Amino acid sequence: MKLSNSVSGALRTFAYFMASGSHSQLQGIDYLALYGEDPSAIEQAFAIYANVLEFNETGQVTNAKYAEWRATQYIRSYCDDSYQVIPDFQEWELTLHEPPVQDVLN
């Protein structure tokens, strides 16, 4: 089973805005430096996005903007100590799941 086009598109779009420095919810925040200086912050943001993202039985994403908002709240709070995340993150949102066993390419 593969990701639906909707899930794939939502993930691609979020990745683009995060990598381009143009995410509207992070205007005025210099977060691109995190990619080289503290990639674990980016990893956490993507984990939050993936943990929060929901889709229905046909694979259509139902909350892409909410998932983006929660992930970008993390980046904003990471870069700006005065920013308060509301509501507080729940443990399930912050969970870093284990990666799959790596396939060996021949």
PDB file of N, CA and C in Angstrom:
ATOM      1  N   MET A   1       0.840  -1.171   0.000  1.00  0.00           N
ATOM      2  CA  MET A   1       0.000   0.000   0.000  1.00  0.00           C
ATOM      3  C   MET A   1       0.892   1.243   0.000  1.00  0.00           C
ATOM      4  N   LYS A   2       0.563   2.200  -0.810  1.00  0.00           N
ATOM      5  CA  LYS A   2       1.335   3.435  -0.912  1.00  0.00           C
ATOM      6  C   LYS A   2       0.530   4.594  -0.350  1.00  0.00           C
ATOM      7  N   LEU A   3       1.246   5.679  -0.047  1.00  0.00           N
ATOM      8  CA  LEU A   3       0.566   6.895   0.367  1.00  0.00           C
ATOM      9  C   LEU A   3      -0.348   7.370  -0.756  1.00  0.00           C
ATOM     10  N   SER A   4      -1.474   7.923  -0.379  1.00  0.00           N
ATOM     11  CA  SER A   4      -2.370   8.479  -1.390  1.00  0.00           C
ATOM     12  C   SER A   4      -1.739   9.720  -2.001  1.00  0.00           C
ATOM     13  N   ASN A   5      -2.245  10.137  -3.146  1.00  0.00           N
ATOM     14  CA  ASN A   5      -1.762  11.371  -3.769  1.00  0.00           C
ATOM     15  C   ASN A   5      -1.974  12.559  -2.843  1.00  0.00           C
ATOM     16  N   SER A   6      -3.056  12.551  -2.081  1.00  0.00           N
ATOM     17  CA  SER A   6      -3.358  13.642  -1.167  1.00  0.00           C
ATOM     18  C   SER A   6      -2.306  13.738  -0.056  1.00  0.00           C
ATOM     19  N   VAL A   7      -1.971  12.608   0.549  1.00  0.00           N
ATOM     20  CA  VAL A   7      -0.958  12.599   1.611  1.00  0.00           C
ATOM     21  C   VAL A   7       0.405  12.969   1.030  1.00  0.00           C
ATOM     22  N   SER A   8       0.754  12.396  -0.096  1.00  0.00           N
ATOM     23  CA  SER A   8       2.018  12.709  -0.749  1.00  0.00           C
ATOM     24  C   SER A   8       2.110  14.196  -1.075  1.00  0.00           C
ATOM     25  N   GLY A   9       1.030  14.760  -1.605  1.00  0.00           N
ATOM     26  CA  GLY A   9       1.009  16.177  -1.946  1.00  0.00           C
ATOM     27  C   GLY A   9       1.112  17.076  -0.725  1.00  0.00           C
ATOM     28  N   ALA A  10       0.441  16.696   0.356  1.00  0.00           N
ATOM     29  CA  ALA A  10       0.514  17.481   1.592  1.00  0.00           C
ATOM     30  C   ALA A  10       1.934  17.470   2.145  1.00  0.00           C
ATOM     31  N   LEU A  11       2.558  16.312   2.158  1.00  0.00           N
ATOM     32  CA  LEU A  11       3.927  16.189   2.655  1.00  0.00           C
ATOM     33  C   LEU A  11       4.902  16.975   1.784  1.00  0.00           C
ATOM     34  N   ARG A  12       4.755  16.855   0.474  1.00  0.00           N
ATOM     35  CA  ARG A  12       5.627  17.580  -0.452  1.00  0.00           C
ATOM     36  C   ARG A  12       5.498  19.077  -0.263  1.00  0.00           C
ATOM     37  N   THR A  13       4.267  19.553  -0.131  1.00  0.00           N
ATOM     38  CA  THR A  13       4.037  20.983   0.030  1.00  0.00           C
ATOM     39  C   THR A  13       4.658  21.495   1.326  1.00  0.00           C
ATOM     40  N   PHE A  14       4.464  20.782   2.408  1.00  0.00           N
ATOM     41  CA  PHE A  14       5.057  21.173   3.686  1.00  0.00           C
ATOM     42  C   PHE A  14       6.586  21.183   3.584  1.00  0.00           C
ATOM     43  N   ALA A  15       7.150  20.162   2.971  1.00  0.00           N
ATOM     44  CA  ALA A  15       8.608  20.101   2.810  1.00  0.00           C
ATOM     45  C   ALA A  15       9.125  21.277   1.987  1.00  0.00           C
ATOM     46  N   TYR A  16       8.422  21.632   0.933  1.00  0.00           N
ATOM     47  CA  TYR A  16       8.840  22.764   0.100  1.00  0.00           C
ATOM     48  C   TYR A  16       8.880  24.057   0.914  1.00  0.00           C
ATOM     49  N   PHE A  17       7.786  24.349   1.604  1.00  0.00           N
ATOM     50  CA  PHE A  17       7.733  25.606   2.353  1.00  0.00           C
ATOM     51  C   PHE A  17       8.740  25.621   3.500  1.00  0.00           C
ATOM     52  N   MET A  18       9.008  24.476   4.085  1.00  0.00           N
ATOM     53  CA  MET A  18      10.008  24.422   5.155  1.00  0.00           C
ATOM     54  C   MET A  18      11.418  24.606   4.588  1.00  0.00           C
ATOM     55  N   ALA A  19      11.705  24.005   3.451  1.00  0.00           N
ATOM     56  CA  ALA A  19      13.050  24.073   2.876  1.00  0.00           C
ATOM     57  C   ALA A  19      13.323  25.390   2.157  1.00  0.00           C
ATOM     58  N   SER A  20      12.275  26.055   1.701  1.00  0.00           N
ATOM     59  CA  SER A  20      12.471  27.288   0.940  1.00  0.00           C
ATOM     60  C   SER A  20      12.565  28.524   1.825  1.00  0.00           C
ATOM     61  N   GLY A  21      12.203  28.389   3.081  1.00  0.00           N
ATOM     62  CA  GLY A  21      12.208  29.539   3.971  1.00  0.00           C
ATOM     63  C   GLY A  21      11.022  30.456   3.768  1.00  0.00           C
ATOM     64  N   SER A  22       9.999  29.973   3.081  1.00  0.00           N
ATOM     65  CA  SER A  22       8.874  30.833   2.730  1.00  0.00           C
ATOM     66  C   SER A  22       7.563  30.439   3.408  1.00  0.00           C
ATOM     67  N   HIS A  23       7.633  29.663   4.477  1.00  0.00           N
ATOM     68  CA  HIS A  23       6.389  29.269   5.134  1.00  0.00           C
ATOM     69  C   HIS A  23       5.761  30.485   5.792  1.00  0.00           C
ATOM     70  N   SER A  24       4.516  30.764   5.458  1.00  0.00           N
ATOM     71  CA  SER A  24       3.842  31.982   5.922  1.00  0.00           C
ATOM     72  C   SER A  24       3.739  32.062   7.442  1.00  0.00           C
ATOM     73  N   GLN A  25       3.679  30.944   8.114  1.00  0.00           N
ATOM     74  CA  GLN A  25       3.557  30.946   9.568  1.00  0.00           C
ATOM     75  C   GLN A  25       4.895  31.187  10.269  1.00  0.00           C
ATOM     76  N   LEU A  26       5.962  31.261   9.489  1.00  0.00           N
ATOM     77  CA  LEU A  26       7.286  31.487  10.074  1.00  0.00           C
ATOM     78  C   LEU A  26       7.935  32.764   9.547  1.00  0.00           C
ATOM     79  N   GLN A  27       7.117  33.698   9.060  1.00  0.00           N
ATOM     80  CA  GLN A  27       7.665  34.966   8.581  1.00  0.00           C
ATOM     81  C   GLN A  27       8.391  35.664   9.718  1.00  0.00           C
ATOM     82  N   GLY A  28       9.592  36.163   9.421  1.00  0.00           N
ATOM     83  CA  GLY A  28      10.390  36.856  10.411  1.00  0.00           C
ATOM     84  C   GLY A  28      11.214  35.945  11.298  1.00  0.00           C
ATOM     85  N   ILE A  29      11.093  34.641  11.113  1.00  0.00           N
ATOM     86  CA  ILE A  29      11.870  33.668  11.887  1.00  0.00           C
ATOM     87  C   ILE A  29      12.946  33.091  10.984  1.00  0.00           C
ATOM     88  N   ASP A  30      14.205  33.215  11.387  1.00  0.00           N
ATOM     89  CA  ASP A  30      15.315  32.688  10.593  1.00  0.00           C
ATOM     90  C   ASP A  30      15.525  31.220  10.947  1.00  0.00           C
ATOM     91  N   TYR A  31      14.702  30.368  10.353  1.00  0.00           N
ATOM     92  CA  TYR A  31      14.755  28.954  10.686  1.00  0.00           C
ATOM     93  C   TYR A  31      15.589  28.127   9.710  1.00  0.00           C
ATOM     94  N   LEU A  32      15.958  28.683   8.574  1.00  0.00           N
ATOM     95  CA  LEU A  32      16.726  27.904   7.597  1.00  0.00           C
ATOM     96  C   LEU A  32      18.084  27.483   8.138  1.00  0.00           C
ATOM     97  N   ALA A  33      18.651  28.271   9.022  1.00  0.00           N
ATOM     98  CA  ALA A  33      19.947  27.919   9.604  1.00  0.00           C
ATOM     99  C   ALA A  33      19.876  26.616  10.396  1.00  0.00           C
ATOM    100  N   LEU A  34      18.699  26.263  10.862  1.00  0.00           N
ATOM    101  CA  LEU A  34      18.553  25.024  11.628  1.00  0.00           C
ATOM    102  C   LEU A  34      18.934  23.798  10.816  1.00  0.00           C
ATOM    103  N   TYR A  35      18.757  23.879   9.501  1.00  0.00           N
ATOM    104  CA  TYR A  35      19.075  22.724   8.658  1.00  0.00           C
ATOM    105  C   TYR A  35      20.528  22.306   8.797  1.00  0.00           C
ATOM    106  N   GLY A  36      21.429  23.247   8.938  1.00  0.00           N
ATOM    107  CA  GLY A  36      22.838  22.908   9.084  1.00  0.00           C
ATOM    108  C   GLY A  36      23.311  22.905  10.521  1.00  0.00           C
ATOM    109  N   GLU A  37      22.691  23.754  11.350  1.00  0.00           N
ATOM    110  CA  GLU A  37      23.171  23.917  12.723  1.00  0.00           C
ATOM    111  C   GLU A  37      22.476  23.011  13.729  1.00  0.00           C
ATOM    112  N   ASP A  38      21.223  22.726  13.542  1.00  0.00           N
ATOM    113  CA  ASP A  38      20.481  21.883  14.467  1.00  0.00           C
ATOM    114  C   ASP A  38      19.382  21.119  13.735  1.00  0.00           C
ATOM    115  N   PRO A  39      19.788  20.152  12.925  1.00  0.00           N
ATOM    116  CA  PRO A  39      18.797  19.428  12.133  1.00  0.00           C
ATOM    117  C   PRO A  39      17.783  18.662  12.983  1.00  0.00           C
ATOM    118  N   SER A  40      18.093  18.402  14.248  1.00  0.00           N
ATOM    119  CA  SER A  40      17.120  17.698  15.085  1.00  0.00           C
ATOM    120  C   SER A  40      15.856  18.533  15.291  1.00  0.00           C
ATOM    121  N   ALA A  41      15.963  19.856  15.230  1.00  0.00           N
ATOM    122  CA  ALA A  41      14.773  20.706  15.331  1.00  0.00           C
ATOM    123  C   ALA A  41      13.874  20.516  14.114  1.00  0.00           C
ATOM    124  N   ILE A  42      14.480  20.400  12.949  1.00  0.00           N
ATOM    125  CA  ILE A  42      13.710  20.140  11.724  1.00  0.00           C
ATOM    126  C   ILE A  42      13.104  18.745  11.783  1.00  0.00           C
ATOM    127  N   GLU A  43      13.882  17.784  12.253  1.00  0.00           N
ATOM    128  CA  GLU A  43      13.384  16.421  12.406  1.00  0.00           C
ATOM    129  C   GLU A  43      12.147  16.409  13.306  1.00  0.00           C
ATOM    130  N   GLN A  44      12.202  17.142  14.422  1.00  0.00           N
ATOM    131  CA  GLN A  44      11.066  17.194  15.343  1.00  0.00           C
ATOM    132  C   GLN A  44       9.853  17.827  14.683  1.00  0.00           C
ATOM    133  N   ALA A  45      10.055  18.882  13.914  1.00  0.00           N
ATOM    134  CA  ALA A  45       8.938  19.534  13.228  1.00  0.00           C
ATOM    135  C   ALA A  45       8.263  18.570  12.246  1.00  0.00           C
ATOM    136  N   PHE A  46       9.059  17.818  11.503  1.00  0.00           N
ATOM    137  CA  PHE A  46       8.475  16.858  10.563  1.00  0.00           C
ATOM    138  C   PHE A  46       7.773  15.720  11.304  1.00  0.00           C
ATOM    139  N   ALA A  47       8.310  15.319  12.456  1.00  0.00           N
ATOM    140  CA  ALA A  47       7.644  14.286  13.253  1.00  0.00           C
ATOM    141  C   ALA A  47       6.287  14.788  13.735  1.00  0.00           C
ATOM    142  N   ILE A  48       6.237  16.022  14.210  1.00  0.00           N
ATOM    143  CA  ILE A  48       4.964  16.604  14.643  1.00  0.00           C
ATOM    144  C   ILE A  48       3.984  16.630  13.477  1.00  0.00           C
ATOM    145  N   TYR A  49       4.452  17.101  12.325  1.00  0.00           N
ATOM    146  CA  TYR A  49       3.587  17.156  11.139  1.00  0.00           C
ATOM    147  C   TYR A  49       3.018  15.764  10.824  1.00  0.00           C
ATOM    148  N   ALA A  50       3.884  14.766  10.783  1.00  0.00           N
ATOM    149  CA  ALA A  50       3.441  13.413  10.440  1.00  0.00           C
ATOM    150  C   ALA A  50       2.519  12.827  11.509  1.00  0.00           C
ATOM    151  N   ASN A  51       2.796  13.110  12.774  1.00  0.00           N
ATOM    152  CA  ASN A  51       1.969  12.574  13.855  1.00  0.00           C
ATOM    153  C   ASN A  51       0.585  13.216  13.888  1.00  0.00           C
ATOM    154  N   VAL A  52       0.483  14.471  13.504  1.00  0.00           N
ATOM    155  CA  VAL A  52      -0.782  15.206  13.565  1.00  0.00           C
ATOM    156  C   VAL A  52      -1.609  15.019  12.291  1.00  0.00           C
ATOM    157  N   LEU A  53      -0.942  14.799  11.158  1.00  0.00           N
ATOM    158  CA  LEU A  53      -1.645  14.684   9.880  1.00  0.00           C
ATOM    159  C   LEU A  53      -2.677  13.550   9.919  1.00  0.00           C
ATOM    160  N   GLU A  54      -3.872  13.849   9.450  1.00  0.00           N
ATOM    161  CA  GLU A  54      -4.942  12.856   9.394  1.00  0.00           C
ATOM    162  C   GLU A  54      -5.492  12.760   7.972  1.00  0.00           C
ATOM    163  N   PHE A  55      -5.997  11.599   7.654  1.00  0.00           N
ATOM    164  CA  PHE A  55      -6.647  11.418   6.362  1.00  0.00           C
ATOM    165  C   PHE A  55      -7.805  10.456   6.540  1.00  0.00           C
ATOM    166  N   ASN A  56      -8.743  10.539   5.612  1.00  0.00           N
ATOM    167  CA  ASN A  56      -9.942   9.713   5.718  1.00  0.00           C
ATOM    168  C   ASN A  56      -9.729   8.356   5.062  1.00  0.00           C
ATOM    169  N   GLU A  57     -10.792   7.571   5.005  1.00  0.00           N
ATOM    170  CA  GLU A  57     -10.711   6.201   4.493  1.00  0.00           C
ATOM    171  C   GLU A  57     -10.354   6.129   3.013  1.00  0.00           C
ATOM    172  N   THR A  58     -10.511   7.215   2.279  1.00  0.00           N
ATOM    173  CA  THR A  58     -10.119   7.218   0.868  1.00  0.00           C
ATOM    174  C   THR A  58      -8.728   7.820   0.661  1.00  0.00           C
ATOM    175  N   GLY A  59      -8.060   8.180   1.766  1.00  0.00           N
ATOM    176  CA  GLY A  59      -6.704   8.706   1.666  1.00  0.00           C
ATOM    177  C   GLY A  59      -6.615  10.212   1.495  1.00  0.00           C
ATOM    178  N   GLN A  60      -7.754  10.920   1.592  1.00  0.00           N
ATOM    179  CA  GLN A  60      -7.750  12.379   1.451  1.00  0.00           C
ATOM    180  C   GLN A  60      -7.370  13.023   2.784  1.00  0.00           C
ATOM    181  N   VAL A  61      -6.370  13.893   2.746  1.00  0.00           N
ATOM    182  CA  VAL A  61      -5.935  14.586   3.948  1.00  0.00           C
ATOM    183  C   VAL A  61      -7.061  15.490   4.429  1.00  0.00           C
ATOM    184  N   THR A  62      -7.305  15.470   5.731  1.00  0.00           N
ATOM    185  CA  THR A  62      -8.410  16.243   6.300  1.00  0.00           C
ATOM    186  C   THR A  62      -7.952  17.402   7.177  1.00  0.00           C
ATOM    187  N   ASN A  63      -6.650  17.507   7.459  1.00  0.00           N
ATOM    188  CA  ASN A  63      -6.200  18.564   8.373  1.00  0.00           C
ATOM    189  C   ASN A  63      -4.789  19.071   8.063  1.00  0.00           C
ATOM    190  N   ALA A  64      -4.458  19.232   6.808  1.00  0.00           N
ATOM    191  CA  ALA A  64      -3.090  19.620   6.427  1.00  0.00           C
ATOM    192  C   ALA A  64      -2.662  20.937   7.071  1.00  0.00           C
ATOM    193  N   LYS A  65      -3.511  21.931   7.051  1.00  0.00           N
ATOM    194  CA  LYS A  65      -3.140  23.242   7.611  1.00  0.00           C
ATOM    195  C   LYS A  65      -2.947  23.158   9.126  1.00  0.00           C
ATOM    196  N   TYR A  66      -3.762  22.371   9.796  1.00  0.00           N
ATOM    197  CA  TYR A  66      -3.595  22.202  11.243  1.00  0.00           C
ATOM    198  C   TYR A  66      -2.267  21.510  11.550  1.00  0.00           C
ATOM    199  N   ALA A  67      -1.930  20.468  10.785  1.00  0.00           N
ATOM    200  CA  ALA A  67      -0.661  19.769  10.983  1.00  0.00           C
ATOM    201  C   ALA A  67       0.506  20.727  10.738  1.00  0.00           C
ATOM    202  N   GLU A  68       0.410  21.554   9.706  1.00  0.00           N
ATOM    203  CA  GLU A  68       1.453  22.566   9.442  1.00  0.00           C
ATOM    204  C   GLU A  68       1.563  23.537  10.610  1.00  0.00           C
ATOM    205  N   TRP A  69       0.409  23.994  11.096  1.00  0.00           N
ATOM    206  CA  TRP A  69       0.397  24.951  12.191  1.00  0.00           C
ATOM    207  C   TRP A  69       1.094  24.397  13.430  1.00  0.00           C
ATOM    208  N   ARG A  70       0.804  23.132  13.769  1.00  0.00           N
ATOM    209  CA  ARG A  70       1.435  22.538  14.948  1.00  0.00           C
ATOM    210  C   ARG A  70       2.939  22.397  14.737  1.00  0.00           C
ATOM    211  N   ALA A  71       3.363  21.962  13.569  1.00  0.00           N
ATOM    212  CA  ALA A  71       4.792  21.801  13.284  1.00  0.00           C
ATOM    213  C   ALA A  71       5.512  23.139  13.294  1.00  0.00           C
ATOM    214  N   THR A  72       4.894  24.157  12.707  1.00  0.00           N
ATOM    215  CA  THR A  72       5.552  25.466  12.674  1.00  0.00           C
ATOM    216  C   THR A  72       5.520  26.137  14.036  1.00  0.00           C
ATOM    217  N   GLN A  73       4.553  25.804  14.877  1.00  0.00           N
ATOM    218  CA  GLN A  73       4.576  26.298  16.260  1.00  0.00           C
ATOM    219  C   GLN A  73       5.841  25.816  16.960  1.00  0.00           C
ATOM    220  N   TYR A  74       6.213  24.574  16.695  1.00  0.00           N
ATOM    221  CA  TYR A  74       7.424  24.039  17.316  1.00  0.00           C
ATOM    222  C   TYR A  74       8.652  24.834  16.860  1.00  0.00           C
ATOM    223  N   ILE A  75       8.783  25.056  15.559  1.00  0.00           N
ATOM    224  CA  ILE A  75       9.935  25.807  15.035  1.00  0.00           C
ATOM    225  C   ILE A  75       9.943  27.220  15.593  1.00  0.00           C
ATOM    226  N   ARG A  76       8.793  27.870  15.600  1.00  0.00           N
ATOM    227  CA  ARG A  76       8.725  29.234  16.131  1.00  0.00           C
ATOM    228  C   ARG A  76       9.152  29.259  17.602  1.00  0.00           C
ATOM    229  N   SER A  77       8.668  28.319  18.399  1.00  0.00           N
ATOM    230  CA  SER A  77       9.030  28.298  19.823  1.00  0.00           C
ATOM    231  C   SER A  77      10.499  27.938  20.012  1.00  0.00           C
ATOM    232  N   TYR A  78      11.046  27.148  19.105  1.00  0.00           N
ATOM    233  CA  TYR A  78      12.458  26.772  19.176  1.00  0.00           C
ATOM    234  C   TYR A  78      13.351  27.980  18.898  1.00  0.00           C
ATOM    235  N   CYS A  79      12.943  28.802  17.957  1.00  0.00           N
ATOM    236  CA  CYS A  79      13.742  29.961  17.547  1.00  0.00           C
ATOM    237  C   CYS A  79      13.445  31.218  18.364  1.00  0.00           C
ATOM    238  N   ASP A  80      12.294  31.267  19.023  1.00  0.00           N
ATOM    239  CA  ASP A  80      11.870  32.460  19.755  1.00  0.00           C
ATOM    240  C   ASP A  80      11.380  32.042  21.138  1.00  0.00           C
ATOM    241  N   ASP A  81      12.228  32.247  22.144  1.00  0.00           N
ATOM    242  CA  ASP A  81      11.895  31.831  23.509  1.00  0.00           C
ATOM    243  C   ASP A  81      10.632  32.486  24.051  1.00  0.00           C
ATOM    244  N   SER A  82      10.247  33.624  23.494  1.00  0.00           N
ATOM    245  CA  SER A  82       9.067  34.319  24.006  1.00  0.00           C
ATOM    246  C   SER A  82       7.756  33.772  23.419  1.00  0.00           C
ATOM    247  N   TYR A  83       7.861  32.948  22.378  1.00  0.00           N
ATOM    248  CA  TYR A  83       6.656  32.400  21.757  1.00  0.00           C
ATOM    249  C   TYR A  83       6.109  31.266  22.617  1.00  0.00           C
ATOM    250  N   GLN A  84       4.825  31.304  22.882  1.00  0.00           N
ATOM    251  CA  GLN A  84       4.182  30.274  23.684  1.00  0.00           C
ATOM    252  C   GLN A  84       3.291  29.413  22.799  1.00  0.00           C
ATOM    253  N   VAL A  85       3.529  28.123  22.830  1.00  0.00           N
ATOM    254  CA  VAL A  85       2.718  27.164  22.074  1.00  0.00           C
ATOM    255  C   VAL A  85       1.409  26.954  22.825  1.00  0.00           C
ATOM    256  N   ILE A  86       0.294  27.230  22.127  1.00  0.00           N
ATOM    257  CA  ILE A  86      -1.034  27.028  22.701  1.00  0.00           C
ATOM    258  C   ILE A  86      -1.877  26.287  21.679  1.00  0.00           C
ATOM    259  N   PRO A  87      -2.427  25.144  22.028  1.00  0.00           N
ATOM    260  CA  PRO A  87      -2.254  24.425  23.280  1.00  0.00           C
ATOM    261  C   PRO A  87      -0.881  23.764  23.351  1.00  0.00           C
ATOM    262  N   ASP A  88      -0.461  23.438  24.570  1.00  0.00           N
ATOM    263  CA  ASP A  88       0.811  22.745  24.746  1.00  0.00           C
ATOM    264  C   ASP A  88       0.832  21.477  23.906  1.00  0.00           C
ATOM    265  N   PHE A  89       2.029  21.096  23.468  1.00  0.00           N
ATOM    266  CA  PHE A  89       2.153  19.849  22.729  1.00  0.00           C
ATOM    267  C   PHE A  89       1.829  18.676  23.640  1.00  0.00           C
ATOM    268  N   GLN A  90       1.160  17.705  23.080  1.00  0.00           N
ATOM    269  CA  GLN A  90       0.910  16.460  23.784  1.00  0.00           C
ATOM    270  C   GLN A  90       2.019  15.476  23.414  1.00  0.00           C
ATOM    271  N   GLU A  91       2.257  14.527  24.278  1.00  0.00           N
ATOM    272  CA  GLU A  91       3.350  13.582  24.071  1.00  0.00           C
ATOM    273  C   GLU A  91       3.262  12.871  22.725  1.00  0.00           C
ATOM    274  N   TRP A  92       2.053  12.498  22.312  1.00  0.00           N
ATOM    275  CA  TRP A  92       1.896  11.768  21.054  1.00  0.00           C
ATOM    276  C   TRP A  92       2.294  12.623  19.853  1.00  0.00           C
ATOM    277  N   GLU A  93       2.155  13.947  19.961  1.00  0.00           N
ATOM    278  CA  GLU A  93       2.545  14.829  18.868  1.00  0.00           C
ATOM    279  C   GLU A  93       4.062  14.874  18.712  1.00  0.00           C
ATOM    280  N   LEU A  94       4.778  14.747  19.821  1.00  0.00           N
ATOM    281  CA  LEU A  94       6.239  14.889  19.835  1.00  0.00           C
ATOM    282  C   LEU A  94       6.996  13.586  19.627  1.00  0.00           C
ATOM    283  N   THR A  95       6.289  12.474  19.592  1.00  0.00           N
ATOM    284  CA  THR A  95       6.947  11.176  19.505  1.00  0.00           C
ATOM    285  C   THR A  95       7.769  11.041  18.229  1.00  0.00           C
ATOM    286  N   LEU A  96       9.021  10.629  18.403  1.00  0.00           N
ATOM    287  CA  LEU A  96       9.899  10.318  17.263  1.00  0.00           C
ATOM    288  C   LEU A  96       9.850   8.803  17.077  1.00  0.00           C
ATOM    289  N   HIS A  97       9.103   8.353  16.097  1.00  0.00           N
ATOM    290  CA  HIS A  97       8.949   6.924  15.853  1.00  0.00           C
ATOM    291  C   HIS A  97      10.213   6.352  15.218  1.00  0.00           C
ATOM    292  N   GLU A  98      10.447   5.090  15.475  1.00  0.00           N
ATOM    293  CA  GLU A  98      11.607   4.406  14.906  1.00  0.00           C
ATOM    294  C   GLU A  98      11.486   4.325  13.385  1.00  0.00           C
ATOM    295  N   PRO A  99      12.595   4.489  12.688  1.00  0.00           N
ATOM    296  CA  PRO A  99      12.550   4.323  11.225  1.00  0.00           C
ATOM    297  C   PRO A  99      12.376   2.848  10.881  1.00  0.00           C
ATOM    298  N   PRO A 100      11.913   2.581   9.669  1.00  0.00           N
ATOM    299  CA  PRO A 100      11.772   1.178   9.258  1.00  0.00           C
ATOM    300  C   PRO A 100      13.141   0.534   9.077  1.00  0.00           C
ATOM    301  N   VAL A 101      13.144  -0.786   9.105  1.00  0.00           N
ATOM    302  CA  VAL A 101      14.375  -1.509   8.809  1.00  0.00           C
ATOM    303  C   VAL A 101      14.787  -1.168   7.395  1.00  0.00           C
ATOM    304  N   GLN A 102      16.047  -0.858   7.202  1.00  0.00           N
ATOM    305  CA  GLN A 102      16.537  -0.439   5.885  1.00  0.00           C
ATOM    306  C   GLN A 102      16.637  -1.620   4.938  1.00  0.00           C
ATOM    307  N   ASP A 103      16.107  -1.436   3.751  1.00  0.00           N
ATOM    308  CA  ASP A 103      16.291  -2.418   2.681  1.00  0.00           C
ATOM    309  C   ASP A 103      17.701  -2.252   2.137  1.00  0.00           C
ATOM    310  N   VAL A 104      18.300  -3.339   1.767  1.00  0.00           N
ATOM    311  CA  VAL A 104      19.625  -3.284   1.167  1.00  0.00           C
ATOM    312  C   VAL A 104      19.451  -3.222  -0.344  1.00  0.00           C
ATOM    313  N   LEU A 105      20.047  -2.193  -0.936  1.00  0.00           N
ATOM    314  CA  LEU A 105      19.987  -2.056  -2.383  1.00  0.00           C
ATOM    315  C   LEU A 105      21.183  -2.781  -2.993  1.00  0.00           C
ATOM    316  N   ASN A 106      20.923  -3.554  -4.003  1.00  0.00           N
ATOM    317  CA  ASN A 106      22.007  -4.266  -4.688  1.00  0.00           C
ATOM    318  C   ASN A 106      22.417  -3.546  -5.934  1.00  0.00           C
TER     319      ASN A 106
END
